[in-house]
Each structure stands twice: as structure tokens, then as C-alpha cells.
Amino acid sequence: MPAVSSVLVPYAAYLRVYEPLTAFPEPERSHWARYVRRGRNPTAQDELRRSLADLLPTPPVPVPVHESGEAFVVEVDGTVCVCPWRTRLRGWLALEELSEQFPAALLDAVLPPVVRGQAAADWEQWRKLNPDARPWIRTAVWQVPVRWFALFDDEEREYEPGGPGAPGGPVLRYRTPMAQARRRVARVLKTLRESADAGRLSEGLVDVGKWLEEFHPRSLVELDYGGLVHALAGELLEEDHSAADVAAGIAALRDGDGERAGEAYARLVDRWRVVRDLQFAN
């Protein structure tokens, strides 16, 4: 693995699922077992740097030619769990979303139509051979989607402010068992469906819930602020309890208190406006 660069790449957040080794069929299970034993685990910044490096050649390479054999690794109650990068699959999925996010002229300048066309053809062929494939990682840029916070409790928040002894900078993340995440999705959806304020949050949470059902019940779910920690001042990170605000808003809806729910939502909007404004800054 190449040496870790000191250059930090913003500004993406991640929702990840770590599955126990037993969840993987052979020969993939043996691959990950060997991978874990080597003891050298890359970071999210390493993954993002490698992805961005593919965009530098002319023409750019929006989707890797080969699937990554890398993963993130954690140990949960003595059980080793891995989260495969699957950068090739995620590259194809990201390309499908680009047309909805950028004007055609800008998209053509960054990724020429011939490049996107070839990637789309490769994706269609690959998907026919792998109809059940799904990513272990979801990515959001310049934000953490509100629906992601619904999977976690404030007590599961982990904040490390960084400093001289932490060259990677601050860390803000949440981790919870898969069973708990699924229960929270079900409870929040029940509240939203009984409320007049369900809207897009309900639709997005249904999508996340279906995704979670694809994984082993003893998996770990993680929300990682990733590069977004470099877009927020230290005091804002320390005071960020967005999962608690979402939980407070849902509890208020459950109690029929629209005013209190609105206050919780306003706290979220004010906090994340700082990051969203940076997206459009020069």
C-alpha cells in the first residue's frame, strides 16, 4: 500500500456497514481473513485519494478498471467485521446520480460523453452478471442526510478533537449494532406515517431500511463525518449533536407537538447551513 499522504481530501460523509467474516461466501471469506491478518488497514482519506487520482488522467477514469480488494476493519465484541470498499460498484452508482446533480454542459466538460457512455455500457454488462450486488458504503457530499441520523442515538456519538498526536485530524462518528439500527428505522417510519410531516424523510428512510436488510443481522452500522470535519470549526464539531436533534424532532412528532419538532429541525438547518454555503463558495 502506498505511503499515507498528509494532504486531507474533503468533503464527504459516509454510512457504512461492517459484516462479520462469516457473512461472506468463499473464496471471499478467506480473502478478507488474510487481509485482516496483514494488520495494515487504510483510512477513508486513503480511499478518497485513490478515487480522485483516477480523475487526473486524460481522458479521466470515472470507474476503476478492476474492483478494489481493500476494506475497512473493526472488531465488535471479539468478532472481526469488514466493510469492503467496492469502489468500482460505487463508481457506477455515483455516475448514475451525476446527471441529476449537474447541468449537462458542466458534466460534459468534466466527464466527456464518450467516457460516460463506455462506463454505462460496462455497468449494464456487469449488472447482468451480478444482479444482487450492493455497496457496503453510502456517500454524501457537503452534508450528512437527516435520515442517516435516525439510525443512531446520541450516546453512540464518538468525538475525537484531533491535535498534534492525531495527524488525520478530528473524528466524529456514530456506531450501532445492525439490530438497533433496524429497530430505529421501523419506529421512526411508524411515527412519520402517523404524522402529516412525513414527506421526503420518510421516502429516504424507507430506502435506507431496505438497504440495511441486505446485510447480516450481527453487522455494525457506522456514520462517519469523514472529510466534513475539516469544513466545521472545532467548537461547532464539539457542539454537534445532530442525532439528538433528529431524535428530539421525531419524539415531538410522536407527541403531536409540531412546534417542538420545528425547533429541532431549525437547529439542524442552522448547523448544516455553514457547510452547504461552503459548497458554493469560490
Foldseek 3Di string as FASTA:
>chain_A
DDDDDLDADDDKWKKFKWAFLVQDDPPLSVLVVVVVVVPDADDPRVVVVVQVVQLPDVNGQLADPDFDSHWGWDADPNTITTFGQRRRVVSLVVLVCVPVPDPPVVCCVSHNPVNSVVSVVVVVVVCVVVVPDDHRMDMDHLDDDLLVLLQFDLVQWDWDQDDPVRSNGIWIKGKDQLVSSLVSLVVLLVLLVVFPNNPPSNVVSVVVNVVSVSGDRGMMIMIISRRNVVLDDSVLRVPDRLSNLSVQLSVCSSVVNNVSNVVSVVVVCVSSVSSVVVVPDD
